[in-house]
Every structure is written in C-alpha cells, then in structure tokens.
Amino acid sequence: HYGNIHVILLGGNIDHWNQFTYGDDAIN
C-alpha cells in the first residue's frame, strides 16, 4: 500500500511457513 513503491511479487510455489515463493516459475 506504499504509494511510492512499485512491487513485483515473483510467482511460483509458496512456502507457507516462511512466506516466500520459489521454484521454476519464480526463477523464470
């Protein structure tokens, strides 16, 4: 929600416990 920052979240698999994405889709 910060108006000054454009954020791109890498897609892919989700590690729910540590709250991050990973895997081939994220790398591509």
PDB file of all heavy atoms in Angstrom:
ATOM      1  N   HIS A   1       0.804  -1.229   0.000  1.00  0.00           N
ATOM      2  CA  HIS A   1       0.000   0.000   0.000  1.00  0.00           C
ATOM      3  C   HIS A   1       0.840   1.284   0.000  1.00  0.00           C
ATOM      4  O   HIS A   1       0.300   2.365  -0.038  1.00  0.00           O
ATOM      5  CB  HIS A   1      -0.935  -0.002   1.220  1.00  0.00           C
ATOM      6  CG  HIS A   1      -0.195   0.023   2.522  1.00  0.00           C
ATOM      7  ND1 HIS A   1       0.359  -1.117   3.060  1.00  0.00           N
ATOM      8  CD2 HIS A   1       0.094   1.027   3.368  1.00  0.00           C
ATOM      9  CE1 HIS A   1       0.965  -0.789   4.197  1.00  0.00           C
ATOM     10  NE2 HIS A   1       0.816   0.493   4.404  1.00  0.00           N
ATOM     11  N   TYR A   2       2.169   1.161   0.016  1.00  0.00           N
ATOM     12  CA  TYR A   2       3.024   2.351  -0.058  1.00  0.00           C
ATOM     13  C   TYR A   2       2.892   2.916  -1.464  1.00  0.00           C
ATOM     14  O   TYR A   2       3.184   2.235  -2.444  1.00  0.00           O
ATOM     15  CB  TYR A   2       4.495   2.009   0.175  1.00  0.00           C
ATOM     16  CG  TYR A   2       4.894   1.610   1.576  1.00  0.00           C
ATOM     17  CD1 TYR A   2       3.972   1.233   2.543  1.00  0.00           C
ATOM     18  CD2 TYR A   2       6.232   1.578   1.935  1.00  0.00           C
ATOM     19  CE1 TYR A   2       4.375   0.853   3.810  1.00  0.00           C
ATOM     20  CE2 TYR A   2       6.637   1.201   3.203  1.00  0.00           C
ATOM     21  CZ  TYR A   2       5.698   0.842   4.136  1.00  0.00           C
ATOM     22  OH  TYR A   2       6.095   0.460   5.383  1.00  0.00           O
ATOM     23  N   GLY A   3       2.508   4.152  -1.600  1.00  0.00           N
ATOM     24  CA  GLY A   3       2.302   4.758  -2.908  1.00  0.00           C
ATOM     25  C   GLY A   3       3.573   5.003  -3.692  1.00  0.00           C
ATOM     26  O   GLY A   3       3.549   5.129  -4.911  1.00  0.00           O
ATOM     27  N   ASN A   4       4.705   5.050  -3.030  1.00  0.00           N
ATOM     28  CA  ASN A   4       5.969   5.369  -3.683  1.00  0.00           C
ATOM     29  C   ASN A   4       6.732   4.152  -4.173  1.00  0.00           C
ATOM     30  O   ASN A   4       7.769   4.285  -4.814  1.00  0.00           O
ATOM     31  CB  ASN A   4       6.865   6.158  -2.717  1.00  0.00           C
ATOM     32  CG  ASN A   4       7.173   5.368  -1.449  1.00  0.00           C
ATOM     33  OD1 ASN A   4       6.312   4.706  -0.888  1.00  0.00           O
ATOM     34  ND2 ASN A   4       8.398   5.452  -0.998  1.00  0.00           N
ATOM     35  N   ILE A   5       6.249   2.956  -3.868  1.00  0.00           N
ATOM     36  CA  ILE A   5       6.987   1.740  -4.197  1.00  0.00           C
ATOM     37  C   ILE A   5       6.153   0.856  -5.114  1.00  0.00           C
ATOM     38  O   ILE A   5       5.026   0.500  -4.788  1.00  0.00           O
ATOM     39  CB  ILE A   5       7.374   0.955  -2.929  1.00  0.00           C
ATOM     40  CG1 ILE A   5       8.260   1.811  -2.012  1.00  0.00           C
ATOM     41  CG2 ILE A   5       8.094  -0.338  -3.301  1.00  0.00           C
ATOM     42  CD1 ILE A   5       8.641   1.148  -0.709  1.00  0.00           C
ATOM     43  N   HIS A   6       6.744   0.518  -6.256  1.00  0.00           N
ATOM     44  CA  HIS A   6       6.141  -0.445  -7.179  1.00  0.00           C
ATOM     45  C   HIS A   6       6.709  -1.809  -6.799  1.00  0.00           C
ATOM     46  O   HIS A   6       7.925  -1.997  -6.765  1.00  0.00           O
ATOM     47  CB  HIS A   6       6.492  -0.079  -8.621  1.00  0.00           C
ATOM     48  CG  HIS A   6       6.004  -1.070  -9.621  1.00  0.00           C
ATOM     49  ND1 HIS A   6       4.679  -1.275  -9.880  1.00  0.00           N
ATOM     50  CD2 HIS A   6       6.685  -1.935 -10.400  1.00  0.00           C
ATOM     51  CE1 HIS A   6       4.546  -2.214 -10.797  1.00  0.00           C
ATOM     52  NE2 HIS A   6       5.764  -2.634 -11.123  1.00  0.00           N
ATOM     53  N   VAL A   7       5.841  -2.756  -6.507  1.00  0.00           N
ATOM     54  CA  VAL A   7       6.283  -4.068  -6.037  1.00  0.00           C
ATOM     55  C   VAL A   7       5.907  -5.141  -7.042  1.00  0.00           C
ATOM     56  O   VAL A   7       4.780  -5.190  -7.527  1.00  0.00           O
ATOM     57  CB  VAL A   7       5.622  -4.416  -4.682  1.00  0.00           C
ATOM     58  CG1 VAL A   7       6.145  -5.748  -4.165  1.00  0.00           C
ATOM     59  CG2 VAL A   7       5.869  -3.327  -3.665  1.00  0.00           C
ATOM     60  N   ILE A   8       6.883  -6.000  -7.335  1.00  0.00           N
ATOM     61  CA  ILE A   8       6.645  -7.167  -8.178  1.00  0.00           C
ATOM     62  C   ILE A   8       6.910  -8.400  -7.321  1.00  0.00           C
ATOM     63  O   ILE A   8       8.032  -8.609  -6.843  1.00  0.00           O
ATOM     64  CB  ILE A   8       7.572  -7.170  -9.412  1.00  0.00           C
ATOM     65  CG1 ILE A   8       7.306  -5.930 -10.273  1.00  0.00           C
ATOM     66  CG2 ILE A   8       7.393  -8.464 -10.209  1.00  0.00           C
ATOM     67  CD1 ILE A   8       8.323  -5.714 -11.369  1.00  0.00           C
ATOM     68  N   LEU A   9       5.863  -9.193  -7.101  1.00  0.00           N
ATOM     69  CA  LEU A   9       5.995 -10.445  -6.360  1.00  0.00           C
ATOM     70  C   LEU A   9       6.229 -11.572  -7.359  1.00  0.00           C
ATOM     71  O   LEU A   9       5.427 -11.773  -8.264  1.00  0.00           O
ATOM     72  CB  LEU A   9       4.736 -10.733  -5.537  1.00  0.00           C
ATOM     73  CG  LEU A   9       4.703 -12.086  -4.825  1.00  0.00           C
ATOM     74  CD1 LEU A   9       5.813 -12.196  -3.780  1.00  0.00           C
ATOM     75  CD2 LEU A   9       3.337 -12.305  -4.171  1.00  0.00           C
ATOM     76  N   LEU A  10       7.321 -12.280  -7.173  1.00  0.00           N
ATOM     77  CA  LEU A  10       7.607 -13.422  -8.028  1.00  0.00           C
ATOM     78  C   LEU A  10       6.587 -14.526  -7.760  1.00  0.00           C
ATOM     79  O   LEU A  10       6.312 -14.861  -6.603  1.00  0.00           O
ATOM     80  CB  LEU A  10       9.020 -13.947  -7.768  1.00  0.00           C
ATOM     81  CG  LEU A  10      10.161 -12.965  -8.051  1.00  0.00           C
ATOM     82  CD1 LEU A  10      11.484 -13.538  -7.565  1.00  0.00           C
ATOM     83  CD2 LEU A  10      10.221 -12.613  -9.524  1.00  0.00           C
ATOM     84  N   GLY A  11       6.046 -15.074  -8.817  1.00  0.00           N
ATOM     85  CA  GLY A  11       5.088 -16.164  -8.675  1.00  0.00           C
ATOM     86  C   GLY A  11       5.799 -17.485  -8.459  1.00  0.00           C
ATOM     87  O   GLY A  11       7.025 -17.550  -8.405  1.00  0.00           O
ATOM     88  N   GLY A  12       5.025 -18.528  -8.321  1.00  0.00           N
ATOM     89  CA  GLY A  12       5.622 -19.849  -8.166  1.00  0.00           C
ATOM     90  C   GLY A  12       5.038 -20.590  -6.995  1.00  0.00           C
ATOM     91  O   GLY A  12       3.945 -20.282  -6.517  1.00  0.00           O
ATOM     92  N   ASN A  13       5.786 -21.558  -6.531  1.00  0.00           N
ATOM     93  CA  ASN A  13       5.372 -22.322  -5.361  1.00  0.00           C
ATOM     94  C   ASN A  13       5.475 -21.442  -4.128  1.00  0.00           C
ATOM     95  O   ASN A  13       6.298 -20.527  -4.077  1.00  0.00           O
ATOM     96  CB  ASN A  13       6.259 -23.550  -5.188  1.00  0.00           C
ATOM     97  CG  ASN A  13       6.176 -24.490  -6.366  1.00  0.00           C
ATOM     98  OD1 ASN A  13       5.103 -24.736  -6.896  1.00  0.00           O
ATOM     99  ND2 ASN A  13       7.319 -25.000  -6.795  1.00  0.00           N
ATOM    100  N   ILE A  14       4.669 -21.757  -3.117  1.00  0.00           N
ATOM    101  CA  ILE A  14       4.668 -20.957  -1.897  1.00  0.00           C
ATOM    102  C   ILE A  14       5.124 -21.805  -0.718  1.00  0.00           C
ATOM    103  O   ILE A  14       4.609 -22.890  -0.479  1.00  0.00           O
ATOM    104  CB  ILE A  14       3.264 -20.385  -1.599  1.00  0.00           C
ATOM    105  CG1 ILE A  14       2.837 -19.433  -2.714  1.00  0.00           C
ATOM    106  CG2 ILE A  14       3.247 -19.676  -0.247  1.00  0.00           C
ATOM    107  CD1 ILE A  14       1.408 -18.931  -2.572  1.00  0.00           C
ATOM    108  N   ASP A  15       6.091 -21.291   0.011  1.00  0.00           N
ATOM    109  CA  ASP A  15       6.461 -21.853   1.304  1.00  0.00           C
ATOM    110  C   ASP A  15       5.594 -21.107   2.315  1.00  0.00           C
ATOM    111  O   ASP A  15       5.873 -19.959   2.658  1.00  0.00           O
ATOM    112  CB  ASP A  15       7.946 -21.640   1.581  1.00  0.00           C
ATOM    113  CG  ASP A  15       8.388 -22.210   2.921  1.00  0.00           C
ATOM    114  OD1 ASP A  15       7.699 -21.958   3.935  1.00  0.00           O
ATOM    115  OD2 ASP A  15       9.430 -22.881   2.970  1.00  0.00           O
ATOM    116  N   HIS A  16       4.517 -21.729   2.753  1.00  0.00           N
ATOM    117  CA  HIS A  16       3.555 -21.069   3.636  1.00  0.00           C
ATOM    118  C   HIS A  16       4.156 -20.729   4.994  1.00  0.00           C
ATOM    119  O   HIS A  16       3.840 -19.694   5.570  1.00  0.00           O
ATOM    120  CB  HIS A  16       2.306 -21.952   3.826  1.00  0.00           C
ATOM    121  CG  HIS A  16       1.518 -22.104   2.575  1.00  0.00           C
ATOM    122  ND1 HIS A  16       0.671 -21.118   2.118  1.00  0.00           N
ATOM    123  CD2 HIS A  16       1.461 -23.093   1.664  1.00  0.00           C
ATOM    124  CE1 HIS A  16       0.109 -21.512   0.993  1.00  0.00           C
ATOM    125  NE2 HIS A  16       0.586 -22.712   0.685  1.00  0.00           N
ATOM    126  N   TRP A  17       5.007 -21.599   5.486  1.00  0.00           N
ATOM    127  CA  TRP A  17       5.586 -21.382   6.805  1.00  0.00           C
ATOM    128  C   TRP A  17       6.484 -20.144   6.823  1.00  0.00           C
ATOM    129  O   TRP A  17       6.407 -19.320   7.722  1.00  0.00           O
ATOM    130  CB  TRP A  17       6.387 -22.614   7.232  1.00  0.00           C
ATOM    131  CG  TRP A  17       6.980 -22.468   8.594  1.00  0.00           C
ATOM    132  CD1 TRP A  17       8.277 -22.201   8.888  1.00  0.00           C
ATOM    133  CD2 TRP A  17       6.299 -22.561   9.845  1.00  0.00           C
ATOM    134  NE1 TRP A  17       8.455 -22.122  10.237  1.00  0.00           N
ATOM    135  CE2 TRP A  17       7.248 -22.344  10.853  1.00  0.00           C
ATOM    136  CE3 TRP A  17       4.978 -22.817  10.209  1.00  0.00           C
ATOM    137  CZ2 TRP A  17       6.920 -22.364  12.203  1.00  0.00           C
ATOM    138  CZ3 TRP A  17       4.667 -22.844  11.566  1.00  0.00           C
ATOM    139  CH2 TRP A  17       5.623 -22.611  12.530  1.00  0.00           C
ATOM    140  N   ASN A  18       7.345 -20.003   5.811  1.00  0.00           N
ATOM    141  CA  ASN A  18       8.304 -18.894   5.767  1.00  0.00           C
ATOM    142  C   ASN A  18       7.845 -17.733   4.894  1.00  0.00           C
ATOM    143  O   ASN A  18       8.556 -16.745   4.770  1.00  0.00           O
ATOM    144  CB  ASN A  18       9.669 -19.401   5.295  1.00  0.00           C
ATOM    145  CG  ASN A  18      10.268 -20.356   6.299  1.00  0.00           C
ATOM    146  OD1 ASN A  18      10.493 -20.006   7.448  1.00  0.00           O
ATOM    147  ND2 ASN A  18      10.502 -21.586   5.874  1.00  0.00           N
ATOM    148  N   GLN A  19       6.707 -17.877   4.260  1.00  0.00           N
ATOM    149  CA  GLN A  19       6.079 -16.797   3.495  1.00  0.00           C
ATOM    150  C   GLN A  19       6.933 -16.293   2.331  1.00  0.00           C
ATOM    151  O   GLN A  19       7.190 -15.101   2.195  1.00  0.00           O
ATOM    152  CB  GLN A  19       5.713 -15.625   4.427  1.00  0.00           C
ATOM    153  CG  GLN A  19       4.592 -15.953   5.399  1.00  0.00           C
ATOM    154  CD  GLN A  19       3.275 -16.094   4.678  1.00  0.00           C
ATOM    155  OE1 GLN A  19       2.760 -15.132   4.152  1.00  0.00           O
ATOM    156  NE2 GLN A  19       2.744 -17.298   4.636  1.00  0.00           N
ATOM    157  N   PHE A  20       7.396 -17.230   1.483  1.00  0.00           N
ATOM    158  CA  PHE A  20       8.094 -16.831   0.265  1.00  0.00           C
ATOM    159  C   PHE A  20       7.717 -17.743  -0.888  1.00  0.00           C
ATOM    160  O   PHE A  20       7.194 -18.834  -0.698  1.00  0.00           O
ATOM    161  CB  PHE A  20       9.621 -16.778   0.460  1.00  0.00           C
ATOM    162  CG  PHE A  20      10.283 -18.098   0.764  1.00  0.00           C
ATOM    163  CD1 PHE A  20      10.484 -19.056  -0.230  1.00  0.00           C
ATOM    164  CD2 PHE A  20      10.737 -18.372   2.034  1.00  0.00           C
ATOM    165  CE1 PHE A  20      11.112 -20.264   0.037  1.00  0.00           C
ATOM    166  CE2 PHE A  20      11.377 -19.580   2.328  1.00  0.00           C
ATOM    167  CZ  PHE A  20      11.561 -20.520   1.321  1.00  0.00           C
ATOM    168  N   THR A  21       8.011 -17.251  -2.105  1.00  0.00           N
ATOM    169  CA  THR A  21       7.783 -18.047  -3.299  1.00  0.00           C
ATOM    170  C   THR A  21       9.124 -18.610  -3.782  1.00  0.00           C
ATOM    171  O   THR A  21      10.185 -18.057  -3.498  1.00  0.00           O
ATOM    172  CB  THR A  21       7.139 -17.214  -4.420  1.00  0.00           C
ATOM    173  OG1 THR A  21       8.018 -16.123  -4.760  1.00  0.00           O
ATOM    174  CG2 THR A  21       5.785 -16.670  -3.996  1.00  0.00           C
ATOM    175  N   TYR A  22       9.046 -19.699  -4.538  1.00  0.00           N
ATOM    176  CA  TYR A  22      10.253 -20.363  -5.026  1.00  0.00           C
ATOM    177  C   TYR A  22       9.883 -21.240  -6.219  1.00  0.00           C
ATOM    178  O   TYR A  22       8.716 -21.360  -6.577  1.00  0.00           O
ATOM    179  CB  TYR A  22      10.901 -21.208  -3.917  1.00  0.00           C
ATOM    180  CG  TYR A  22      10.057 -22.393  -3.510  1.00  0.00           C
ATOM    181  CD1 TYR A  22      10.263 -23.645  -4.072  1.00  0.00           C
ATOM    182  CD2 TYR A  22       9.024 -22.256  -2.586  1.00  0.00           C
ATOM    183  CE1 TYR A  22       9.475 -24.736  -3.719  1.00  0.00           C
ATOM    184  CE2 TYR A  22       8.239 -23.338  -2.218  1.00  0.00           C
ATOM    185  CZ  TYR A  22       8.466 -24.570  -2.790  1.00  0.00           C
ATOM    186  OH  TYR A  22       7.684 -25.641  -2.444  1.00  0.00           O
ATOM    187  N   GLY A  23      10.869 -21.841  -6.821  1.00  0.00           N
ATOM    188  CA  GLY A  23      10.636 -22.815  -7.878  1.00  0.00           C
ATOM    189  C   GLY A  23      10.838 -22.261  -9.274  1.00  0.00           C
ATOM    190  O   GLY A  23      11.222 -21.106  -9.467  1.00  0.00           O
ATOM    191  N   ASP A  24      10.570 -23.122 -10.271  1.00  0.00           N
ATOM    192  CA  ASP A  24      10.823 -22.778 -11.669  1.00  0.00           C
ATOM    193  C   ASP A  24      10.076 -21.527 -12.119  1.00  0.00           C
ATOM    194  O   ASP A  24      10.631 -20.699 -12.847  1.00  0.00           O
ATOM    195  CB  ASP A  24      10.441 -23.943 -12.589  1.00  0.00           C
ATOM    196  CG  ASP A  24      11.401 -25.119 -12.469  1.00  0.00           C
ATOM    197  OD1 ASP A  24      12.517 -24.930 -11.944  1.00  0.00           O
ATOM    198  OD2 ASP A  24      11.033 -26.224 -12.903  1.00  0.00           O
ATOM    199  N   ASP A  25       8.824 -21.382 -11.721  1.00  0.00           N
ATOM    200  CA  ASP A  25       8.064 -20.199 -12.138  1.00  0.00           C
ATOM    201  C   ASP A  25       8.688 -18.922 -11.588  1.00  0.00           C
ATOM    202  O   ASP A  25       8.804 -17.923 -12.301  1.00  0.00           O
ATOM    203  CB  ASP A  25       6.599 -20.304 -11.698  1.00  0.00           C
ATOM    204  CG  ASP A  25       5.830 -21.349 -12.481  1.00  0.00           C
ATOM    205  OD1 ASP A  25       6.246 -21.671 -13.616  1.00  0.00           O
ATOM    206  OD2 ASP A  25       4.817 -21.848 -11.957  1.00  0.00           O
ATOM    207  N   ALA A  26       9.100 -18.941 -10.333  1.00  0.00           N
ATOM    208  CA  ALA A  26       9.747 -17.766  -9.728  1.00  0.00           C
ATOM    209  C   ALA A  26      11.063 -17.452 -10.444  1.00  0.00           C
ATOM    210  O   ALA A  26      11.348 -16.289 -10.764  1.00  0.00           O
ATOM    211  CB  ALA A  26       9.982 -17.998  -8.243  1.00  0.00           C
ATOM    212  N   ILE A  27      11.848 -18.475 -10.739  1.00  0.00           N
ATOM    213  CA  ILE A  27      13.141 -18.287 -11.418  1.00  0.00           C
ATOM    214  C   ILE A  27      12.929 -17.747 -12.833  1.00  0.00           C
ATOM    215  O   ILE A  27      13.611 -16.813 -13.264  1.00  0.00           O
ATOM    216  CB  ILE A  27      13.952 -19.605 -11.463  1.00  0.00           C
ATOM    217  CG1 ILE A  27      14.278 -20.083 -10.049  1.00  0.00           C
ATOM    218  CG2 ILE A  27      15.206 -19.461 -12.303  1.00  0.00           C
ATOM    219  CD1 ILE A  27      15.103 -19.135  -9.228  1.00  0.00           C
ATOM    220  N   ASN A  28      11.990 -18.329 -13.566  1.00  0.00           N
ATOM    221  CA  ASN A  28      11.732 -17.863 -14.935  1.00  0.00           C
ATOM    222  C   ASN A  28      11.286 -16.409 -14.953  1.00  0.00           C
ATOM    223  O   ASN A  28      11.717 -15.632 -15.806  1.00  0.00           O
ATOM    224  CB  ASN A  28      10.691 -18.754 -15.616  1.00  0.00           C
ATOM    225  CG  ASN A  28      11.254 -20.119 -15.955  1.00  0.00           C
ATOM    226  OD1 ASN A  28      12.459 -20.278 -16.128  1.00  0.00           O
ATOM    227  ND2 ASN A  28      10.392 -21.115 -16.024  1.00  0.00           N
TER     228      ASN A  28
END
